[in-house]
Amino acid sequence: MTGRPAGRPLVPAYLSTGGVTRPSRPHMERLTVLALGGEPRPTGLPAAALALLDALEGGSLAVVEAAALLRLPVSAVRVLAADLVDRDLVLARAPIPPAERFDPDLLKRVADGLRALKRT
């Protein structure tokens, strides 16, 4: 008898979300930062939701980091996280936007200023 292939979950990802395929919060992105909320854990949460809450006890995680820890697709973790945010068990913060493009002229002036300081 052959064992199950390494890395494949025993339960399909859509079952970990209770069959829900879309998060209730469409703004939940891959880089959204999740942290534990202040509410106590209710009884009857699915195992995947409890695993996500356990993962967040160590500190804040991005959705993709939580997905890697739980070995679930990002889409499933987005659904789980949105449900937990709706229940006030998890706080979600939008990802930090990428910085604007740097100004090459400003960088040149800073480099010139540093060279001038070095010579003195």
Protein backbone atom coordinates (compact mmCIF):
# COMPACT_ATOMS: atom_id res chain seq x y z
CA MET A 1 0.00 0.00 0.00
CA THR A 2 1.36 3.40 -0.92
CA GLY A 3 1.24 6.36 1.46
CA ARG A 4 -0.18 9.69 0.56
CA PRO A 5 2.13 11.99 -1.43
CA ALA A 6 4.10 14.41 0.72
CA GLY A 7 2.73 17.92 0.82
CA ARG A 8 -0.83 17.12 -0.26
CA PRO A 9 -3.42 17.98 2.36
CA LEU A 10 -5.85 15.32 3.46
CA VAL A 11 -8.77 17.74 3.19
CA PRO A 12 -9.39 19.82 0.06
CA ALA A 13 -8.94 23.54 0.66
CA TYR A 14 -12.55 24.42 -0.14
CA LEU A 15 -13.71 22.25 2.75
CA SER A 16 -11.53 24.17 5.20
CA THR A 17 -13.62 27.25 4.40
CA GLY A 18 -16.95 25.47 4.76
CA GLY A 19 -17.45 25.55 0.99
CA VAL A 20 -17.22 29.36 0.82
CA THR A 21 -15.20 30.42 -2.21
CA ARG A 22 -15.05 34.22 -1.85
CA PRO A 23 -14.08 36.29 1.16
CA SER A 24 -16.75 38.52 2.66
CA ARG A 25 -14.24 41.36 2.52
CA PRO A 26 -13.03 41.83 -1.07
CA HIS A 27 -10.24 44.20 0.03
CA MET A 28 -8.47 41.31 1.82
CA GLU A 29 -5.26 41.04 -0.19
CA ARG A 30 -2.32 38.66 -0.09
CA LEU A 31 -0.24 41.20 1.81
CA THR A 32 -2.96 42.24 4.25
CA VAL A 33 -1.53 42.04 7.77
CA LEU A 34 -3.52 39.98 10.27
CA ALA A 35 -3.36 40.24 14.07
CA LEU A 36 -5.43 38.81 16.89
CA GLY A 37 -8.45 40.85 17.93
CA GLY A 38 -9.69 41.31 21.47
CA GLU A 39 -12.66 38.94 21.46
CA PRO A 40 -12.49 35.55 23.21
CA ARG A 41 -12.62 32.48 20.98
CA PRO A 42 -16.12 31.12 20.55
CA THR A 43 -16.76 27.41 20.52
CA GLY A 44 -17.56 25.66 17.30
CA LEU A 45 -14.99 27.29 15.03
CA PRO A 46 -13.68 25.09 12.21
CA ALA A 47 -10.25 23.52 12.67
CA ALA A 48 -8.68 25.72 9.98
CA ALA A 49 -9.94 28.90 11.68
CA LEU A 50 -8.55 27.70 15.01
CA ALA A 51 -5.23 26.94 13.33
CA LEU A 52 -5.15 30.48 11.93
CA LEU A 53 -5.85 31.94 15.37
CA ASP A 54 -3.09 29.77 16.84
CA ALA A 55 -0.67 30.98 14.16
CA LEU A 56 -1.50 34.60 15.02
CA GLU A 57 -0.73 34.12 18.72
CA GLY A 58 2.95 34.50 17.87
CA GLY A 59 2.35 37.94 16.37
CA SER A 60 1.09 39.57 13.20
CA LEU A 61 1.30 37.75 9.87
CA ALA A 62 0.54 38.62 6.29
CA VAL A 63 -2.12 36.49 4.62
CA VAL A 64 0.52 34.77 2.47
CA GLU A 65 2.63 33.95 5.53
CA ALA A 66 -0.38 32.46 7.29
CA ALA A 67 -1.17 30.42 4.17
CA ALA A 68 2.35 29.03 4.14
CA LEU A 69 2.20 28.13 7.83
CA LEU A 70 -1.20 26.46 7.47
CA ARG A 71 -0.26 24.81 4.17
CA LEU A 72 -3.44 26.14 2.58
CA PRO A 73 -3.96 28.16 -0.60
CA VAL A 74 -3.95 31.92 -0.15
CA SER A 75 -7.55 32.05 -1.40
CA ALA A 76 -8.69 29.75 1.42
CA VAL A 77 -6.84 31.78 4.06
CA ARG A 78 -8.39 34.99 2.69
CA VAL A 79 -11.85 33.46 3.24
CA LEU A 80 -10.95 32.23 6.74
CA ALA A 81 -9.39 35.56 7.71
CA ALA A 82 -12.37 37.57 6.41
CA ASP A 83 -14.74 35.42 8.46
CA LEU A 84 -12.62 35.91 11.59
CA VAL A 85 -12.48 39.68 10.97
CA ASP A 86 -16.29 39.69 10.67
CA ARG A 87 -16.44 38.00 14.09
CA ASP A 88 -13.96 40.55 15.58
CA LEU A 89 -11.50 37.75 16.36
CA VAL A 90 -8.85 39.07 13.97
CA LEU A 91 -7.81 42.57 12.97
CA ALA A 92 -6.80 43.21 9.36
CA ARG A 93 -4.63 46.10 8.24
CA ALA A 94 -4.12 47.06 4.61
CA PRO A 95 -0.66 46.36 3.28
CA ILE A 96 1.85 49.18 3.34
CA PRO A 97 1.83 50.76 -0.12
CA PRO A 98 5.05 50.60 -2.11
CA ALA A 99 7.17 53.70 -1.92
CA GLU A 100 7.03 56.13 -4.77
CA ARG A 101 9.86 55.97 -7.26
CA PHE A 102 12.98 57.61 -6.02
CA ASP A 103 14.16 60.88 -7.47
CA PRO A 104 17.52 60.22 -9.20
CA ASP A 105 18.49 63.90 -8.86
CA LEU A 106 17.95 63.77 -5.09
CA LEU A 107 20.07 60.63 -4.79
CA LYS A 108 22.85 62.26 -6.83
CA ARG A 109 22.82 65.32 -4.58
CA VAL A 110 22.94 63.14 -1.44
CA ALA A 111 25.85 61.12 -2.86
CA ASP A 112 27.69 64.33 -3.79
CA GLY A 113 27.10 65.70 -0.29
CA LEU A 114 28.45 62.51 1.30
CA ARG A 115 31.54 62.61 -0.90
CA ALA A 116 32.10 66.26 0.10
CA LEU A 117 31.85 65.29 3.79
CA LYS A 118 34.29 62.45 3.29
CA ARG A 119 36.91 64.82 1.81
CA THR A 120 36.82 67.16 4.80
